[in-house]
N, C-alpha and C. Protein backbone atom coordinates (compact mmCIF):
# COMPACT_ATOMS: atom_id res chain seq x y z
N MET A 1 -5.84 -30.90 -22.95
CA MET A 1 -5.46 -30.13 -22.25
C MET A 1 -5.89 -30.39 -21.02
N LYS A 2 -5.25 -29.81 -19.86
CA LYS A 2 -5.82 -29.96 -18.57
C LYS A 2 -6.52 -29.42 -18.33
N ARG A 3 -7.94 -29.59 -17.21
CA ARG A 3 -8.65 -28.14 -16.88
C ARG A 3 -8.28 -27.38 -15.74
N SER A 4 -8.66 -26.59 -15.57
CA SER A 4 -8.09 -25.58 -14.16
C SER A 4 -9.25 -26.13 -13.26
N TYR A 5 -8.60 -26.28 -11.74
CA TYR A 5 -9.12 -26.60 -10.51
C TYR A 5 -11.00 -25.69 -10.41
N ALA A 6 -11.12 -24.91 -10.73
CA ALA A 6 -12.54 -24.46 -11.01
C ALA A 6 -13.13 -25.02 -11.93
N GLU A 7 -12.82 -25.49 -13.16
CA GLU A 7 -13.37 -26.22 -14.69
C GLU A 7 -13.36 -27.57 -13.55
N THR A 8 -12.59 -28.18 -13.56
CA THR A 8 -13.00 -29.33 -12.90
C THR A 8 -14.09 -29.97 -11.52
N VAL A 9 -14.26 -28.82 -10.63
CA VAL A 9 -15.04 -28.74 -9.87
C VAL A 9 -16.27 -28.16 -10.37
N ASN A 10 -16.43 -26.91 -11.09
CA ASN A 10 -17.91 -26.87 -11.80
C ASN A 10 -18.20 -28.10 -12.66
N ASN A 11 -17.19 -28.75 -13.42
CA ASN A 11 -17.98 -29.95 -14.21
C ASN A 11 -18.38 -30.87 -13.46
N ALA A 12 -17.86 -31.49 -12.36
CA ALA A 12 -18.04 -32.38 -11.78
C ALA A 12 -19.78 -31.78 -10.92
N LYS A 13 -20.00 -30.87 -10.59
CA LYS A 13 -20.80 -30.47 -9.83
C LYS A 13 -22.06 -30.44 -10.95
N VAL A 14 -21.90 -29.91 -11.92
CA VAL A 14 -22.72 -30.16 -12.79
C VAL A 14 -22.84 -31.54 -13.67
N MET A 15 -22.02 -32.49 -13.60
CA MET A 15 -22.63 -33.89 -14.12
C MET A 15 -23.03 -34.60 -13.09
N LEU A 16 -23.07 -34.03 -11.35
CA LEU A 16 -23.40 -34.91 -10.37
C LEU A 16 -24.66 -34.58 -10.66
N SER A 17 -25.38 -33.62 -10.72
CA SER A 17 -26.72 -33.21 -10.36
C SER A 17 -27.23 -33.63 -11.93
N GLY A 18 -26.83 -33.77 -13.22
CA GLY A 18 -27.09 -34.64 -14.46
C GLY A 18 -27.63 -35.65 -14.06
N LEU A 19 -26.35 -36.52 -13.06
CA LEU A 19 -26.48 -37.96 -13.13
C LEU A 19 -27.61 -38.47 -12.07
N GLN A 20 -27.85 -37.55 -11.14
CA GLN A 20 -28.70 -37.24 -9.78
C GLN A 20 -30.06 -37.49 -10.27
N ALA A 21 -30.18 -36.68 -11.70
CA ALA A 21 -31.58 -36.59 -12.42
C ALA A 21 -32.12 -37.67 -13.49
N HIS A 22 -31.13 -38.34 -13.50
CA HIS A 22 -31.48 -39.65 -14.67
C HIS A 22 -30.55 -41.24 -13.88
N THR A 23 -30.66 -41.18 -12.72
CA THR A 23 -30.04 -42.32 -12.06
C THR A 23 -30.72 -43.73 -12.72
N GLU A 24 -32.16 -43.52 -12.88
CA GLU A 24 -32.50 -44.52 -13.39
C GLU A 24 -32.06 -45.11 -14.87
N THR A 25 -32.27 -43.98 -15.61
CA THR A 25 -31.77 -44.31 -16.88
C THR A 25 -30.19 -45.07 -17.08
N LEU A 26 -29.24 -44.33 -16.08
CA LEU A 26 -28.06 -44.24 -15.92
C LEU A 26 -27.48 -46.09 -15.58
N SER A 27 -28.46 -46.38 -14.60
CA SER A 27 -27.79 -47.67 -13.70
C SER A 27 -27.89 -48.62 -14.53
N LYS A 28 -28.26 -48.55 -15.78
CA LYS A 28 -28.18 -49.91 -16.61
C LYS A 28 -27.03 -49.77 -17.43
N ARG A 29 -26.18 -48.81 -17.23
CA ARG A 29 -24.60 -48.76 -17.69
C ARG A 29 -23.43 -48.60 -16.65
N GLY A 30 -24.12 -48.83 -15.31
CA GLY A 30 -22.96 -48.89 -14.38
C GLY A 30 -23.11 -48.01 -13.56
N ILE A 31 -23.84 -46.82 -13.86
CA ILE A 31 -23.86 -45.72 -12.80
C ILE A 31 -25.10 -45.91 -11.85
N ASP A 32 -24.60 -46.77 -10.98
CA ASP A 32 -25.35 -47.11 -9.71
C ASP A 32 -25.32 -46.38 -8.76
N GLY A 33 -26.12 -46.83 -7.51
CA GLY A 33 -26.06 -45.90 -6.42
C GLY A 33 -24.59 -45.84 -5.88
N GLU A 34 -24.26 -47.25 -6.00
CA GLU A 34 -22.44 -46.81 -5.29
C GLU A 34 -21.85 -45.75 -5.99
N PHE A 35 -21.52 -46.05 -7.51
CA PHE A 35 -21.06 -45.02 -8.13
C PHE A 35 -21.24 -43.74 -7.91
N MET A 36 -22.82 -43.51 -7.74
CA MET A 36 -23.30 -42.27 -7.35
C MET A 36 -22.83 -41.50 -5.95
N LYS A 37 -22.89 -42.55 -5.01
CA LYS A 37 -22.29 -42.52 -3.49
C LYS A 37 -20.74 -42.00 -3.39
N ASN A 38 -19.87 -42.52 -4.65
CA ASN A 38 -18.38 -42.46 -4.40
C ASN A 38 -18.17 -41.35 -5.18
N PHE A 39 -18.86 -41.11 -6.43
CA PHE A 39 -18.97 -39.77 -7.12
C PHE A 39 -19.00 -38.50 -6.01
N GLU A 40 -20.15 -38.55 -4.99
CA GLU A 40 -20.60 -37.57 -4.31
C GLU A 40 -19.58 -37.41 -3.11
N ASN A 41 -18.98 -38.55 -2.60
CA ASN A 41 -17.93 -38.33 -1.56
C ASN A 41 -16.92 -37.95 -2.32
N SER A 42 -16.30 -38.03 -3.19
CA SER A 42 -15.19 -37.61 -3.82
C SER A 42 -15.23 -35.94 -4.09
N TYR A 43 -16.26 -35.59 -4.57
CA TYR A 43 -16.50 -34.34 -4.64
C TYR A 43 -16.80 -33.42 -3.36
N HIS A 44 -17.30 -34.03 -2.44
CA HIS A 44 -17.54 -33.12 -0.87
C HIS A 44 -16.12 -33.43 -0.51
N SER A 45 -15.36 -34.28 -0.97
CA SER A 45 -13.82 -34.63 0.04
C SER A 45 -12.71 -33.22 -0.78
N VAL A 46 -13.36 -33.26 -2.25
CA VAL A 46 -12.31 -32.11 -2.61
C VAL A 46 -12.67 -30.88 -2.43
N MET A 47 -13.97 -30.60 -2.00
CA MET A 47 -14.11 -29.18 -1.82
C MET A 47 -13.64 -29.12 -0.25
N SER A 48 -13.98 -30.03 0.70
CA SER A 48 -13.64 -30.08 2.23
C SER A 48 -12.18 -29.83 2.14
N LEU A 49 -10.98 -30.45 1.45
CA LEU A 49 -9.66 -30.28 1.30
C LEU A 49 -9.76 -28.55 0.71
N ASP A 50 -10.31 -28.15 -0.19
CA ASP A 50 -10.14 -26.86 -0.61
C ASP A 50 -10.33 -25.87 0.42
N ASN A 51 -11.28 -25.85 1.23
CA ASN A 51 -11.05 -25.02 2.17
C ASN A 51 -10.57 -25.21 3.16
N GLU A 52 -9.93 -26.22 3.53
CA GLU A 52 -8.64 -26.60 4.26
C GLU A 52 -7.40 -25.77 3.94
N GLN A 53 -7.20 -25.95 2.33
CA GLN A 53 -6.41 -25.06 2.00
C GLN A 53 -6.14 -23.78 2.00
N GLU A 54 -7.36 -23.29 1.94
CA GLU A 54 -7.54 -21.54 1.68
C GLU A 54 -7.02 -21.29 2.83
N THR A 55 -7.75 -21.75 4.20
CA THR A 55 -7.46 -21.52 5.45
C THR A 55 -5.74 -21.55 5.93
N LEU A 56 -5.19 -22.76 5.31
CA LEU A 56 -3.59 -22.78 5.47
C LEU A 56 -3.04 -21.77 4.77
N LYS A 57 -3.57 -20.99 3.44
CA LYS A 57 -2.73 -20.04 2.46
C LYS A 57 -2.64 -18.94 3.57
N ALA A 58 -4.09 -18.86 4.15
CA ALA A 58 -4.32 -17.41 4.84
C ALA A 58 -3.12 -17.18 5.91
N LYS A 59 -2.94 -18.69 6.97
CA LYS A 59 -2.30 -18.68 7.84
C LYS A 59 -0.76 -18.57 7.61
N LEU A 60 -0.35 -19.01 6.56
CA LEU A 60 0.58 -18.96 5.94
C LEU A 60 1.18 -17.25 5.49
N LYS A 61 0.14 -16.61 4.98
CA LYS A 61 0.62 -15.06 4.54
C LYS A 61 0.44 -14.57 5.83
N GLU A 62 -0.22 -14.85 7.19
CA GLU A 62 0.05 -14.16 8.52
C GLU A 62 1.27 -14.35 9.14
N LYS A 63 1.91 -15.77 8.91
CA LYS A 63 3.28 -15.98 9.56
C LYS A 63 4.38 -15.23 8.33
N THR A 64 4.10 -15.51 6.80
CA THR A 64 4.85 -14.49 6.28
C THR A 64 5.10 -13.09 6.63
N ALA A 65 4.16 -12.48 6.69
CA ALA A 65 4.11 -11.25 7.38
C ALA A 65 5.02 -11.21 8.77
N ALA A 66 4.67 -11.56 9.67
CA ALA A 66 5.16 -11.80 11.09
C ALA A 66 6.96 -12.25 11.05
N LEU A 67 7.36 -13.12 9.85
CA LEU A 67 8.50 -13.55 9.55
C LEU A 67 9.09 -12.18 8.94
N ASP A 68 8.46 -11.47 7.95
CA ASP A 68 9.36 -10.67 7.41
C ASP A 68 9.42 -9.62 8.44
N GLU A 69 8.45 -9.21 9.28
CA GLU A 69 8.55 -7.93 10.47
C GLU A 69 9.67 -8.15 10.99
N GLU A 70 10.14 -9.59 11.59
CA GLU A 70 10.83 -10.09 12.60
C GLU A 70 12.17 -9.52 11.55
N ARG A 71 12.56 -10.29 10.46
CA ARG A 71 13.71 -10.56 9.79
C ARG A 71 14.25 -8.74 9.77
N GLU A 72 13.21 -7.88 9.59
CA GLU A 72 13.63 -6.81 9.16
C GLU A 72 14.20 -5.77 10.51
N LYS A 73 13.56 -6.61 11.65
CA LYS A 73 14.53 -6.13 13.18
C LYS A 73 15.75 -6.45 13.24
N LEU A 74 15.52 -7.98 12.84
CA LEU A 74 17.28 -8.82 12.84
C LEU A 74 18.05 -7.51 12.13
N GLU A 75 17.58 -7.36 10.88
CA GLU A 75 18.80 -7.02 9.78
C GLU A 75 19.32 -5.53 10.72
N LYS A 76 18.17 -4.86 10.89
CA LYS A 76 18.29 -3.52 11.68
C LYS A 76 19.26 -3.68 12.48
N MET A 77 19.22 -4.73 13.45
CA MET A 77 19.88 -4.66 14.82
C MET A 77 21.55 -5.21 13.96
N TYR A 78 21.35 -6.05 13.12
CA TYR A 78 22.81 -6.41 12.58
C TYR A 78 23.41 -5.67 12.18
N SER A 79 22.64 -4.94 11.47
CA SER A 79 23.36 -3.33 10.90
C SER A 79 23.91 -2.58 11.85
N GLU A 80 23.17 -1.89 12.92
CA GLU A 80 23.79 -1.43 14.18
C GLU A 80 24.84 -2.08 14.59
N ALA A 81 24.84 -3.21 15.31
CA ALA A 81 26.10 -3.82 15.69
C ALA A 81 27.07 -3.98 14.96
N LYS A 82 27.24 -4.13 13.73
CA LYS A 82 28.32 -4.09 12.51
C LYS A 82 28.88 -2.50 12.70
N LYS A 83 28.26 -1.54 12.50
CA LYS A 83 28.60 -0.45 12.56
C LYS A 83 29.66 0.05 13.81
N ILE A 84 29.01 -0.75 14.95
CA ILE A 84 29.53 0.13 16.38
C ILE A 84 30.98 -0.96 16.04
N ILE A 85 31.29 -2.32 15.87
CA ILE A 85 32.18 -3.09 15.87
C ILE A 85 32.94 -2.61 15.15
N LYS A 86 32.57 -1.96 13.91
CA LYS A 86 33.76 -1.13 12.92
C LYS A 86 34.15 -0.21 13.44
N ILE A 87 33.75 0.78 14.49
CA ILE A 87 34.16 1.83 14.95
C ILE A 87 35.12 1.68 16.16
N ASP A 88 34.52 0.58 17.14
CA ASP A 88 35.47 0.16 18.31
C ASP A 88 36.22 -0.75 18.21
N ILE A 89 36.42 -1.74 16.99
CA ILE A 89 36.93 -2.63 17.30
C ILE A 89 37.84 -2.73 16.16
N PRO A 90 39.38 -3.12 16.18
CA PRO A 90 40.15 -2.80 14.94
C PRO A 90 40.00 -4.38 13.97
N GLN A 91 40.09 -3.37 12.69
CA GLN A 91 39.93 -4.34 11.47
C GLN A 91 40.49 -5.84 11.79
N GLU A 92 41.29 -5.91 11.90
CA GLU A 92 42.22 -7.34 12.22
C GLU A 92 40.98 -8.55 12.95
N SER A 93 40.33 -7.90 13.91
CA SER A 93 39.61 -8.74 14.60
C SER A 93 38.02 -8.80 13.99
N TRP A 94 37.72 -8.05 13.01
CA TRP A 94 36.17 -8.24 12.41
C TRP A 94 35.45 -9.58 12.15
N LYS A 95 36.43 -10.40 11.73
CA LYS A 95 36.31 -11.66 11.34
C LYS A 95 35.80 -12.50 12.25
N GLU A 96 36.37 -12.29 13.71
CA GLU A 96 35.64 -13.10 14.67
C GLU A 96 33.96 -12.73 14.77
N PHE A 97 33.53 -11.61 14.44
CA PHE A 97 32.07 -11.42 14.45
C PHE A 97 31.52 -11.70 12.87
N GLY A 98 32.19 -12.35 12.09
CA GLY A 98 31.75 -12.70 10.80
C GLY A 98 31.56 -11.40 9.64
N ILE A 99 32.69 -10.43 10.05
CA ILE A 99 32.24 -9.24 9.02
C ILE A 99 33.63 -9.61 8.26
N GLN A 100 33.33 -9.61 6.73
CA GLN A 100 34.18 -9.78 6.00
C GLN A 100 34.86 -8.33 5.24
N ASP A 101 34.36 -7.28 5.72
CA ASP A 101 34.36 -6.20 4.65
C ASP A 101 35.97 -5.91 4.81
N LYS A 102 36.53 -5.12 4.37
CA LYS A 102 38.22 -4.65 4.19
C LYS A 102 37.70 -2.98 4.90
N ARG A 103 36.91 -2.28 4.76
CA ARG A 103 36.72 -1.07 5.34
C ARG A 103 35.33 -0.60 5.78
């Protein structure tokens, strides 16, 4: 079963702490300074990218709200224009405005 993001990050943090505490013992098995440096760099990279992603998510929500607001204005203007066209323009010419209604 795949771990969640939070579990992965937390497990890596705890593992890193444990590795740092037992560097001397584990170096015999290949957990040397280079491995530790790469592990730590990867952990910090993930944290940095996560922070960047959260910032982008917030910006996306802001843009989505702005888009929704502008779209609502556009829909109201479209609806108003459609009403006026249906009142003042003969039904035979409605297609010129993209109106497919029968009445």
